[in-house]
Every structure is written in C-alpha cells, then in structure tokens.
Amino acid sequence: MVADEPVAEERLAGVLERPRAEMAAALRELSAEYTAQGRGFDLRLVAGGWRFYSRDTCSAAVDRFLLDGQQARLTQAALETLAVVAYRQPVSRSRVSAVRGVNCDGVVRTLVQRGLVEEAGSEPETGAILYRTTNYFLERMGLRGLDELPELAPFLPEVDDVEAESLEGTMIAEAVAAAAAQAADGSGEAGRAGPDR
C-alpha cells in the first residue's frame, strides 16, 4: 500500500526473506481471496509487479472522492499519438507525425510530462530521439506487458478499400500532374487532362 508503482515478486521476496515461488503463490492467493470476498480493493499483477487498485465496482465513488468531478482526460490527438507509440515503439516524433498526418511534437511532450511515454535512445541514421511507452502506461491500461495490447487487424480497413483509395489518389495525382504539364506548355487544354470520372 505504500508503493507508488507495481512491486516485483523478487523485491517482495527479498524484503520478506522468502523464496520467490512462495511469494508468487501468496500474492495470487491474496488476490483471489480479495475477489471472492468482494473487497473494495483488488491486488493485481500489472507492468511486471503487484499493486493495489480500487475494485471496478467502487470506481465511481473513488473518482468522486479523489477528483471531485475534475478529470484530466487525454485528447483525441493524445490518444492517437499514444496508440502509434505503443504499437510502433521505439519510434521518433517525425514517424508518429507521418502516421497521423499532422505534427505531434506538442502532444508527445504532453505524454512525456504525464509519464505515459519516455525517451528510448536515438535513431542511428538521423539522430532523432526515439520514444516508447512506460510502465506507468502499462499500469494505467491494466496490462502486464505490451504483448497484451489488442490486435490491430479488426480496426484496419479492408485491403480492397485501401487499394481503391490508393488507386483513386494515384489517378487524381496523375490528372493534376498532366494538367500542370499542359498548362506549362501553354496549350490551354489543361481542363481536359486526366481520366474521365
């Protein structure tokens, strides 16, 4: 209860001078006991360690007590940026911006300040700073590790839709390039350039 981050089984075993296996079994037993008794708190294994949490059924009361109606939620831009970092880490800000299609420098700084993202070295080719998610991110998401992130496949568009959009974009780009070329030639027939649509 005094730890401000999840505590590893090895650390607890060392402090209590008990074998790690015994400590792991005791923690799992306590967690199951708290759940069976319907306690207002829960003992969970997250981000490589154990930590107490308020039970989900008590979260509304705890939120009212602690936050008094004021919650600091992440913006849509922050959530999108966090998702890109989580799935592509380690990743530079410029690559995150390329995926999102907008500059994300300020959003990355906000995520670093909130402790959800941290620096993870630099890119050898460019020297750009790389970012990754933190243990605090795992803890807030209730994940034991990054392997528990949901699969992206169900959220991605169908291949045919992507190809159609890509083909349409290519055709538009070709039409614009042809029109620009005709305008540069001075032929005055730029309006007829490109495929009929």
Protein backbone atom coordinates (compact mmCIF):
# COMPACT_ATOMS: atom_id res chain seq x y z
CA MET A 1 0.00 0.00 0.00
CA VAL A 2 2.96 2.33 0.43
CA ALA A 3 4.44 1.71 -3.05
CA ASP A 4 3.67 4.22 -5.77
CA GLU A 5 4.33 1.73 -8.58
CA PRO A 6 3.92 -2.04 -9.04
CA VAL A 7 6.35 -4.07 -6.93
CA ALA A 8 8.06 -7.12 -8.44
CA GLU A 9 7.73 -10.51 -6.75
CA GLU A 10 11.53 -10.69 -6.44
CA ARG A 11 11.62 -7.44 -4.47
CA LEU A 12 8.86 -8.54 -2.10
CA ALA A 13 10.51 -11.94 -1.65
CA GLY A 14 13.82 -10.24 -0.82
CA VAL A 15 12.27 -7.86 1.72
CA LEU A 16 10.36 -10.66 3.44
CA GLU A 17 13.26 -13.13 3.08
CA ARG A 18 11.06 -15.76 1.44
CA PRO A 19 11.50 -17.81 -1.73
CA ARG A 20 10.13 -16.13 -4.86
CA ALA A 21 7.82 -19.06 -5.66
CA GLU A 22 6.29 -18.86 -2.18
CA MET A 23 5.79 -15.11 -2.56
CA ALA A 24 4.18 -15.52 -6.01
CA ALA A 25 1.76 -18.15 -4.67
CA ALA A 26 0.85 -15.98 -1.67
CA LEU A 27 0.16 -12.94 -3.85
CA ARG A 28 -2.09 -14.92 -6.19
CA GLU A 29 -3.91 -16.40 -3.20
CA LEU A 30 -4.46 -12.95 -1.66
CA SER A 31 -5.72 -11.59 -4.99
CA ALA A 32 -8.21 -14.46 -5.33
CA GLU A 33 -9.31 -14.07 -1.70
CA TYR A 34 -9.97 -10.32 -2.10
CA THR A 35 -12.02 -11.02 -5.23
CA ALA A 36 -14.02 -13.83 -3.60
CA GLN A 37 -14.80 -11.63 -0.60
CA GLY A 38 -15.87 -8.72 -2.82
CA ARG A 39 -13.49 -6.29 -1.15
CA GLY A 40 -13.39 -2.68 -2.32
CA PHE A 41 -9.78 -3.13 -3.41
CA ASP A 42 -8.03 -5.55 -5.70
CA LEU A 43 -4.46 -6.88 -5.86
CA ARG A 44 -3.35 -7.07 -9.49
CA LEU A 45 -0.27 -8.13 -11.43
CA VAL A 46 0.49 -5.30 -13.90
CA ALA A 47 3.61 -3.91 -15.57
CA GLY A 48 5.80 -6.64 -14.10
CA GLY A 49 4.73 -6.18 -10.47
CA TRP A 50 1.88 -6.26 -7.96
CA ARG A 51 -0.20 -3.29 -6.92
CA PHE A 52 -3.42 -2.50 -5.07
CA TYR A 53 -6.28 -0.99 -7.07
CA SER A 54 -9.78 0.12 -6.25
CA ARG A 55 -12.24 -2.52 -7.42
CA ASP A 56 -14.11 -1.57 -10.58
CA THR A 57 -17.46 -1.59 -8.78
CA CYS A 58 -16.14 1.13 -6.44
CA SER A 59 -14.52 3.32 -9.09
CA ALA A 60 -17.34 5.88 -9.28
CA ALA A 61 -17.17 6.58 -5.53
CA VAL A 62 -13.36 6.73 -5.58
CA ASP A 63 -13.43 9.12 -8.55
CA ARG A 64 -15.86 11.42 -6.75
CA PHE A 65 -13.69 11.35 -3.61
CA LEU A 66 -10.35 11.96 -5.33
CA LEU A 67 -11.23 14.05 -8.32
CA ASP A 68 -14.29 15.94 -7.15
CA GLY A 69 -15.63 15.96 -10.71
CA GLN A 70 -12.40 17.14 -12.34
CA GLN A 71 -10.80 14.59 -14.61
CA ALA A 72 -7.79 15.18 -16.80
CA ARG A 73 -8.65 13.14 -19.86
CA LEU A 74 -6.42 12.71 -22.87
CA THR A 75 -7.46 14.49 -26.05
CA GLN A 76 -8.20 12.54 -29.23
CA ALA A 77 -4.83 13.68 -30.61
CA ALA A 78 -3.05 12.42 -27.48
CA LEU A 79 -4.84 9.05 -27.66
CA GLU A 80 -3.94 8.64 -31.34
CA THR A 81 -0.31 9.58 -30.70
CA LEU A 82 -0.13 7.23 -27.71
CA ALA A 83 -1.51 4.40 -29.84
CA VAL A 84 1.10 4.99 -32.56
CA VAL A 85 3.91 4.99 -29.98
CA ALA A 86 2.54 1.86 -28.27
CA TYR A 87 2.30 -0.16 -31.48
CA ARG A 88 5.41 1.11 -33.30
CA GLN A 89 7.87 1.70 -30.45
CA PRO A 90 10.59 2.76 -30.31
CA VAL A 91 9.53 5.49 -32.73
CA SER A 92 10.58 9.07 -33.49
CA ARG A 93 8.24 12.07 -33.38
CA SER A 94 8.61 12.54 -37.13
CA ARG A 95 7.43 8.98 -37.78
CA VAL A 96 4.49 9.43 -35.43
CA SER A 97 3.64 12.65 -37.29
CA ALA A 98 3.88 10.79 -40.62
CA VAL A 99 1.46 8.11 -39.43
CA ARG A 100 -1.01 10.66 -38.02
CA GLY A 101 -0.60 13.14 -40.87
CA VAL A 102 -0.11 16.11 -38.52
CA ASN A 103 2.71 17.47 -36.39
CA CYS A 104 2.66 15.81 -32.97
CA ASP A 105 5.60 17.47 -31.17
CA GLY A 106 3.41 19.18 -28.56
CA VAL A 107 1.33 16.05 -27.99
CA VAL A 108 4.45 13.92 -27.43
CA ARG A 109 5.72 16.49 -24.89
CA THR A 110 2.38 16.24 -23.06
CA LEU A 111 2.56 12.43 -23.00
CA VAL A 112 6.13 12.61 -21.65
CA GLN A 113 5.02 15.06 -18.93
CA ARG A 114 2.19 12.72 -17.93
CA GLY A 115 4.64 9.83 -17.65
CA LEU A 116 2.98 7.70 -20.35
CA VAL A 117 5.86 7.98 -22.85
CA GLU A 118 9.62 8.27 -22.35
CA GLU A 119 12.78 8.71 -24.40
CA ALA A 120 14.33 5.45 -25.59
CA GLY A 121 17.62 6.48 -27.17
CA SER A 122 18.15 7.92 -30.63
CA GLU A 123 17.80 6.71 -34.19
CA PRO A 124 21.28 5.81 -35.53
CA GLU A 125 20.64 7.15 -39.06
CA THR A 126 19.13 10.53 -38.19
CA GLY A 127 19.91 11.09 -34.51
CA ALA A 128 16.19 11.65 -33.84
CA ILE A 129 15.02 10.88 -30.32
CA LEU A 130 13.02 7.65 -30.08
CA TYR A 131 10.05 7.22 -27.74
CA ARG A 132 8.44 4.24 -26.05
CA THR A 133 5.64 3.71 -23.57
CA THR A 134 6.41 3.49 -19.85
CA ASN A 135 5.50 1.07 -17.10
CA TYR A 136 3.03 3.73 -15.96
CA PHE A 137 1.30 3.36 -19.35
CA LEU A 138 1.02 -0.40 -18.79
CA GLU A 139 -0.25 0.21 -15.28
CA ARG A 140 -2.90 2.74 -16.37
CA MET A 141 -4.04 0.41 -19.16
CA GLY A 142 -4.11 -2.59 -16.81
CA LEU A 143 -1.65 -4.55 -18.96
CA ARG A 144 1.08 -6.92 -17.82
CA GLY A 145 3.12 -6.23 -20.92
CA LEU A 146 2.94 -4.90 -24.47
CA ASP A 147 2.05 -8.36 -25.73
CA GLU A 148 -1.39 -7.81 -24.17
CA LEU A 149 -2.17 -4.87 -26.47
CA PRO A 150 -5.19 -5.74 -28.62
CA GLU A 151 -4.62 -6.87 -32.19
CA LEU A 152 -4.93 -4.07 -34.74
CA ALA A 153 -6.36 -6.21 -37.55
CA PRO A 154 -10.06 -5.80 -36.59
CA PHE A 155 -9.67 -2.00 -36.68
CA LEU A 156 -7.91 -1.76 -40.04
CA PRO A 157 -9.78 -1.14 -43.31
CA GLU A 158 -10.17 -3.99 -45.76
CA VAL A 159 -7.33 -4.38 -48.28
CA ASP A 160 -9.70 -3.72 -51.20
CA ASP A 161 -10.80 -0.39 -49.65
CA VAL A 162 -7.19 0.72 -49.14
CA GLU A 163 -6.25 -0.27 -52.70
CA ALA A 164 -9.29 1.58 -54.11
CA GLU A 165 -8.40 4.74 -52.17
CA SER A 166 -4.76 4.42 -53.23
CA LEU A 167 -5.76 3.93 -56.90
CA GLU A 168 -8.13 6.91 -56.75
CA GLY A 169 -5.41 9.05 -55.17
CA THR A 170 -2.94 7.97 -57.85
CA MET A 171 -5.40 8.78 -60.63
CA ILE A 172 -6.07 12.23 -59.15
CA ALA A 173 -2.34 12.89 -58.76
CA GLU A 174 -1.74 11.85 -62.39
CA ALA A 175 -4.57 14.11 -63.60
CA VAL A 176 -3.18 17.07 -61.66
CA ALA A 177 0.34 16.41 -62.99
CA ALA A 178 -0.96 16.18 -66.59
CA ALA A 179 -2.96 19.39 -66.18
CA ALA A 180 0.06 21.17 -64.75
CA ALA A 181 2.23 19.94 -67.63
CA GLN A 182 -0.27 21.15 -70.24
CA ALA A 183 -0.61 24.50 -68.52
CA ALA A 184 3.17 24.84 -68.52
CA ASP A 185 3.23 24.07 -72.26
CA GLY A 186 0.71 26.87 -72.79
CA SER A 187 -1.67 24.64 -74.72
CA GLY A 188 -4.66 25.88 -72.72
CA GLU A 189 -6.21 22.42 -72.67
CA ALA A 190 -5.47 21.64 -69.02
CA GLY A 191 -9.15 21.18 -68.28
CA ARG A 192 -9.26 18.07 -70.46
CA ALA A 193 -6.28 16.35 -68.83
CA GLY A 194 -6.67 13.14 -66.89
CA PRO A 195 -9.21 10.34 -66.92
CA ASP A 196 -12.96 10.91 -67.04
CA ARG A 197 -14.67 10.38 -63.68
